[in-house]
Amino acid sequence: MSLYDLSIETVKGEEKTVNDYKAKAMIIVNTASKCGFTPQFDGLQKLYEKYKDDGLEILGFPSNQFMNQEPGSSEEAEEYCRLNYGVSFPMFAKTEVRGKNAHPLFQYLTKEAPGIISDQIKWNFTKFLIDENGNVVKRYAPKTEPKEMEENIRELLQI
């Protein structure tokens, strides 16, 4: 199975596949609107604006698995990000990112880029950098600021 075969659900409940983003570098991130790391939306949006024309996509997946930090609906999460941080990159339906019910996308990502102590996602804003061929290049800890990813992004985009 390839990353591109995996289905993902939009905020509006429509099924897509990661294949829609084939041939692009991607950051896939689990998010929450009531987390200490929520201000990272600003940095992610800046990266998106700076590199989207060079082939970068950012895919955000709200999750309520960490201390009820995303309690509302998928639509409310998307609206919060748009209104408070100007997020224009795609946000998807609320998703389980760890445990036995983890979405297959996050099962795949954690298998390809295991964590230091555990493969499980430990908290909101765990970020995965994917190359244009669908390979998981790097996993970033929640505390890693988006601007700290820029050098790796530039390398992937060859700019």
C-alpha atoms as a PDB file:
ATOM      1  CA  MET A   1       0.000   0.000   0.000  1.00  0.00           C
ATOM      2  CA  SER A   2       1.155   3.484  -0.870  1.00  0.00           C
ATOM      3  CA  LEU A   3       0.463   6.741   0.918  1.00  0.00           C
ATOM      4  CA  TYR A   4      -1.438   7.819  -2.189  1.00  0.00           C
ATOM      5  CA  ASP A   5      -3.955   4.966  -1.820  1.00  0.00           C
ATOM      6  CA  LEU A   6      -5.238   6.209   1.525  1.00  0.00           C
ATOM      7  CA  SER A   7      -8.655   7.841   1.806  1.00  0.00           C
ATOM      8  CA  ILE A   8      -9.119  11.061   3.729  1.00  0.00           C
ATOM      9  CA  GLU A   9     -12.341  12.848   4.609  1.00  0.00           C
ATOM     10  CA  THR A  10     -12.884  16.537   4.000  1.00  0.00           C
ATOM     11  CA  VAL A  11     -14.490  18.817   6.560  1.00  0.00           C
ATOM     12  CA  LYS A  12     -17.696  18.519   4.525  1.00  0.00           C
ATOM     13  CA  GLY A  13     -17.635  14.704   4.740  1.00  0.00           C
ATOM     14  CA  GLU A  14     -16.449  14.061   1.188  1.00  0.00           C
ATOM     15  CA  GLU A  15     -13.996  11.240   0.542  1.00  0.00           C
ATOM     16  CA  LYS A  16     -10.707  12.100  -1.173  1.00  0.00           C
ATOM     17  CA  THR A  17      -7.426  10.275  -1.432  1.00  0.00           C
ATOM     18  CA  VAL A  18      -3.933  11.479  -0.714  1.00  0.00           C
ATOM     19  CA  ASN A  19      -3.396  10.868  -4.441  1.00  0.00           C
ATOM     20  CA  ASP A  20      -4.966  14.312  -4.981  1.00  0.00           C
ATOM     21  CA  TYR A  21      -1.665  15.708  -3.664  1.00  0.00           C
ATOM     22  CA  LYS A  22       0.629  13.416  -5.653  1.00  0.00           C
ATOM     23  CA  ALA A  23       3.844  14.962  -6.994  1.00  0.00           C
ATOM     24  CA  LYS A  24       3.827  17.612  -4.256  1.00  0.00           C
ATOM     25  CA  ALA A  25       5.843  17.880  -1.087  1.00  0.00           C
ATOM     26  CA  MET A  26       3.525  17.766   1.919  1.00  0.00           C
ATOM     27  CA  ILE A  27       3.398  18.533   5.582  1.00  0.00           C
ATOM     28  CA  ILE A  28       0.773  16.396   7.306  1.00  0.00           C
ATOM     29  CA  VAL A  29      -0.042  17.607  10.796  1.00  0.00           C
ATOM     30  CA  ASN A  30      -2.520  16.703  13.522  1.00  0.00           C
ATOM     31  CA  THR A  31      -3.956  19.868  15.015  1.00  0.00           C
ATOM     32  CA  ALA A  32      -6.098  21.252  17.834  1.00  0.00           C
ATOM     33  CA  SER A  33      -7.508  24.724  18.342  1.00  0.00           C
ATOM     34  CA  LYS A  34      -7.213  24.798  22.140  1.00  0.00           C
ATOM     35  CA  CYS A  35      -3.621  23.620  22.558  1.00  0.00           C
ATOM     36  CA  GLY A  36      -0.504  25.423  23.724  1.00  0.00           C
ATOM     37  CA  PHE A  37       0.925  24.753  20.252  1.00  0.00           C
ATOM     38  CA  THR A  38      -2.087  26.232  18.420  1.00  0.00           C
ATOM     39  CA  PRO A  39      -0.121  29.401  17.502  1.00  0.00           C
ATOM     40  CA  GLN A  40       1.887  27.134  15.158  1.00  0.00           C
ATOM     41  CA  PHE A  41      -0.993  27.619  12.709  1.00  0.00           C
ATOM     42  CA  ASP A  42       0.543  31.014  12.014  1.00  0.00           C
ATOM     43  CA  GLY A  43       3.915  29.505  11.100  1.00  0.00           C
ATOM     44  CA  LEU A  44       2.333  26.745   9.042  1.00  0.00           C
ATOM     45  CA  GLN A  45       0.295  29.293   7.098  1.00  0.00           C
ATOM     46  CA  LYS A  46       3.431  31.371   6.449  1.00  0.00           C
ATOM     47  CA  LEU A  47       5.216  28.288   5.063  1.00  0.00           C
ATOM     48  CA  TYR A  48       2.188  27.507   2.916  1.00  0.00           C
ATOM     49  CA  GLU A  49       2.014  31.011   1.480  1.00  0.00           C
ATOM     50  CA  LYS A  50       5.747  31.079   0.826  1.00  0.00           C
ATOM     51  CA  TYR A  51       6.086  27.647  -0.821  1.00  0.00           C
ATOM     52  CA  LYS A  52       2.691  26.575  -2.207  1.00  0.00           C
ATOM     53  CA  ASP A  53       3.573  27.838  -5.687  1.00  0.00           C
ATOM     54  CA  ASP A  54       6.782  25.778  -5.498  1.00  0.00           C
ATOM     55  CA  GLY A  55       4.843  22.571  -4.793  1.00  0.00           C
ATOM     56  CA  LEU A  56       4.209  22.447  -1.028  1.00  0.00           C
ATOM     57  CA  GLU A  57       0.874  21.331   0.388  1.00  0.00           C
ATOM     58  CA  ILE A  58      -0.049  21.319   4.057  1.00  0.00           C
ATOM     59  CA  LEU A  59      -2.802  18.977   5.210  1.00  0.00           C
ATOM     60  CA  GLY A  60      -4.274  19.625   8.659  1.00  0.00           C
ATOM     61  CA  PHE A  61      -6.153  16.964  10.605  1.00  0.00           C
ATOM     62  CA  PRO A  62      -7.893  18.157  13.783  1.00  0.00           C
ATOM     63  CA  SER A  63      -7.895  15.605  16.582  1.00  0.00           C
ATOM     64  CA  ASN A  64      -9.572  15.600  19.973  1.00  0.00           C
ATOM     65  CA  GLN A  65      -7.468  12.787  21.415  1.00  0.00           C
ATOM     66  CA  PHE A  66      -5.309  14.952  23.647  1.00  0.00           C
ATOM     67  CA  MET A  67      -7.050  16.457  26.672  1.00  0.00           C
ATOM     68  CA  ASN A  68     -10.186  17.496  24.761  1.00  0.00           C
ATOM     69  CA  GLN A  69      -8.322  20.252  22.914  1.00  0.00           C
ATOM     70  CA  GLU A  70     -10.510  20.021  19.797  1.00  0.00           C
ATOM     71  CA  PRO A  71     -14.008  19.609  21.267  1.00  0.00           C
ATOM     72  CA  GLY A  72     -16.085  21.104  18.441  1.00  0.00           C
ATOM     73  CA  SER A  73     -17.014  19.798  15.024  1.00  0.00           C
ATOM     74  CA  SER A  74     -14.689  19.560  12.033  1.00  0.00           C
ATOM     75  CA  GLU A  75     -16.381  22.652  10.612  1.00  0.00           C
ATOM     76  CA  GLU A  76     -15.824  24.608  13.829  1.00  0.00           C
ATOM     77  CA  ALA A  77     -12.147  23.623  13.855  1.00  0.00           C
ATOM     78  CA  GLU A  78     -11.700  24.765  10.258  1.00  0.00           C
ATOM     79  CA  GLU A  79     -13.526  28.040  10.886  1.00  0.00           C
ATOM     80  CA  TYR A  80     -11.423  28.750  13.994  1.00  0.00           C
ATOM     81  CA  CYS A  81      -8.206  28.234  12.020  1.00  0.00           C
ATOM     82  CA  ARG A  82      -9.398  30.393   9.144  1.00  0.00           C
ATOM     83  CA  LEU A  83     -10.675  33.254  11.320  1.00  0.00           C
ATOM     84  CA  ASN A  84      -7.880  33.322  13.905  1.00  0.00           C
ATOM     85  CA  TYR A  85      -4.832  32.365  11.836  1.00  0.00           C
ATOM     86  CA  GLY A  86      -5.870  32.975   8.228  1.00  0.00           C
ATOM     87  CA  VAL A  87      -5.385  29.289   7.423  1.00  0.00           C
ATOM     88  CA  SER A  88      -5.960  28.645   3.730  1.00  0.00           C
ATOM     89  CA  PHE A  89      -4.332  25.218   3.468  1.00  0.00           C
ATOM     90  CA  PRO A  90      -6.696  22.217   3.464  1.00  0.00           C
ATOM     91  CA  MET A  91      -8.134  21.117   6.780  1.00  0.00           C
ATOM     92  CA  PHE A  92      -9.821  17.743   7.022  1.00  0.00           C
ATOM     93  CA  ALA A  93     -12.391  16.008   9.215  1.00  0.00           C
ATOM     94  CA  LYS A  94     -11.568  15.359  12.853  1.00  0.00           C
ATOM     95  CA  THR A  95      -9.403  12.279  12.933  1.00  0.00           C
ATOM     96  CA  GLU A  96      -8.107   9.789  15.456  1.00  0.00           C
ATOM     97  CA  VAL A  97      -4.333   9.802  15.152  1.00  0.00           C
ATOM     98  CA  ARG A  98      -3.307   7.209  17.742  1.00  0.00           C
ATOM     99  CA  GLY A  99      -4.502   4.022  19.348  1.00  0.00           C
ATOM    100  CA  LYS A 100      -6.419   1.095  17.911  1.00  0.00           C
ATOM    101  CA  ASN A 101      -8.800   3.388  16.001  1.00  0.00           C
ATOM    102  CA  ALA A 102      -6.093   5.560  14.490  1.00  0.00           C
ATOM    103  CA  HIS A 103      -6.854   6.570  10.934  1.00  0.00           C
ATOM    104  CA  PRO A 104      -4.911   4.489   8.367  1.00  0.00           C
ATOM    105  CA  LEU A 105      -3.078   7.649   7.265  1.00  0.00           C
ATOM    106  CA  PHE A 106      -1.595   8.130  10.716  1.00  0.00           C
ATOM    107  CA  GLN A 107      -0.923   4.404  11.091  1.00  0.00           C
ATOM    108  CA  TYR A 108       1.075   4.636   7.866  1.00  0.00           C
ATOM    109  CA  LEU A 109       2.934   7.798   8.878  1.00  0.00           C
ATOM    110  CA  THR A 110       3.939   6.497  12.304  1.00  0.00           C
ATOM    111  CA  LYS A 111       5.093   3.195  10.789  1.00  0.00           C
ATOM    112  CA  GLU A 112       7.236   5.022   8.232  1.00  0.00           C
ATOM    113  CA  ALA A 113       8.595   7.559  10.736  1.00  0.00           C
ATOM    114  CA  PRO A 114       8.504   6.096  14.238  1.00  0.00           C
ATOM    115  CA  GLY A 115       8.957   8.360  17.226  1.00  0.00           C
ATOM    116  CA  ILE A 116      11.914   8.293  19.562  1.00  0.00           C
ATOM    117  CA  ILE A 117      10.304   6.507  22.506  1.00  0.00           C
ATOM    118  CA  SER A 118       7.137   5.223  20.849  1.00  0.00           C
ATOM    119  CA  ASP A 119       5.663   5.100  17.366  1.00  0.00           C
ATOM    120  CA  GLN A 120       2.450   6.651  18.696  1.00  0.00           C
ATOM    121  CA  ILE A 121       1.745  10.321  18.176  1.00  0.00           C
ATOM    122  CA  LYS A 122       2.362  11.882  21.559  1.00  0.00           C
ATOM    123  CA  TRP A 123       0.545  15.204  21.179  1.00  0.00           C
ATOM    124  CA  ASN A 124      -1.034  17.742  18.862  1.00  0.00           C
ATOM    125  CA  PHE A 125       1.084  19.299  16.116  1.00  0.00           C
ATOM    126  CA  THR A 126       3.210  16.274  15.328  1.00  0.00           C
ATOM    127  CA  LYS A 127       4.332  17.057  11.791  1.00  0.00           C
ATOM    128  CA  PHE A 128       5.385  14.732   8.963  1.00  0.00           C
ATOM    129  CA  LEU A 129       7.309  15.955   5.927  1.00  0.00           C
ATOM    130  CA  ILE A 130       6.592  13.956   2.763  1.00  0.00           C
ATOM    131  CA  ASP A 131       8.517  14.203  -0.507  1.00  0.00           C
ATOM    132  CA  GLU A 132       6.946  14.464  -3.967  1.00  0.00           C
ATOM    133  CA  ASN A 133       7.126  10.665  -4.340  1.00  0.00           C
ATOM    134  CA  GLY A 134       5.123   9.984  -1.188  1.00  0.00           C
ATOM    135  CA  ASN A 135       8.079   9.058   1.019  1.00  0.00           C
ATOM    136  CA  VAL A 136       8.014  10.155   4.641  1.00  0.00           C
ATOM    137  CA  VAL A 137      11.213  12.178   4.939  1.00  0.00           C
ATOM    138  CA  LYS A 138      11.044  13.374   8.522  1.00  0.00           C
ATOM    139  CA  ARG A 139       8.868  13.480  11.627  1.00  0.00           C
ATOM    140  CA  TYR A 140       8.878  16.609  13.765  1.00  0.00           C
ATOM    141  CA  ALA A 141       7.932  16.823  17.429  1.00  0.00           C
ATOM    142  CA  PRO A 142       4.979  18.960  18.489  1.00  0.00           C
ATOM    143  CA  LYS A 143       7.307  21.578  19.983  1.00  0.00           C
ATOM    144  CA  THR A 144       9.177  22.015  16.674  1.00  0.00           C
ATOM    145  CA  GLU A 145       8.174  25.381  15.252  1.00  0.00           C
ATOM    146  CA  PRO A 146       7.216  25.359  11.574  1.00  0.00           C
ATOM    147  CA  LYS A 147      10.021  27.805  10.696  1.00  0.00           C
ATOM    148  CA  GLU A 148      12.499  25.152  11.904  1.00  0.00           C
ATOM    149  CA  MET A 149      11.285  22.917   9.048  1.00  0.00           C
ATOM    150  CA  GLU A 150      12.066  25.459   6.343  1.00  0.00           C
ATOM    151  CA  GLU A 151      15.545  24.226   5.432  1.00  0.00           C
ATOM    152  CA  ASN A 152      14.236  20.672   4.911  1.00  0.00           C
ATOM    153  CA  ILE A 153      11.328  22.024   2.847  1.00  0.00           C
ATOM    154  CA  ARG A 154      13.659  24.031   0.641  1.00  0.00           C
ATOM    155  CA  GLU A 155      15.809  20.931   0.079  1.00  0.00           C
ATOM    156  CA  LEU A 156      12.762  18.887  -0.942  1.00  0.00           C
ATOM    157  CA  LEU A 157      11.517  21.590  -3.276  1.00  0.00           C
ATOM    158  CA  GLN A 158      15.074  22.102  -4.599  1.00  0.00           C
ATOM    159  CA  ILE A 159      14.971  25.861  -4.150  1.00  0.00           C
END
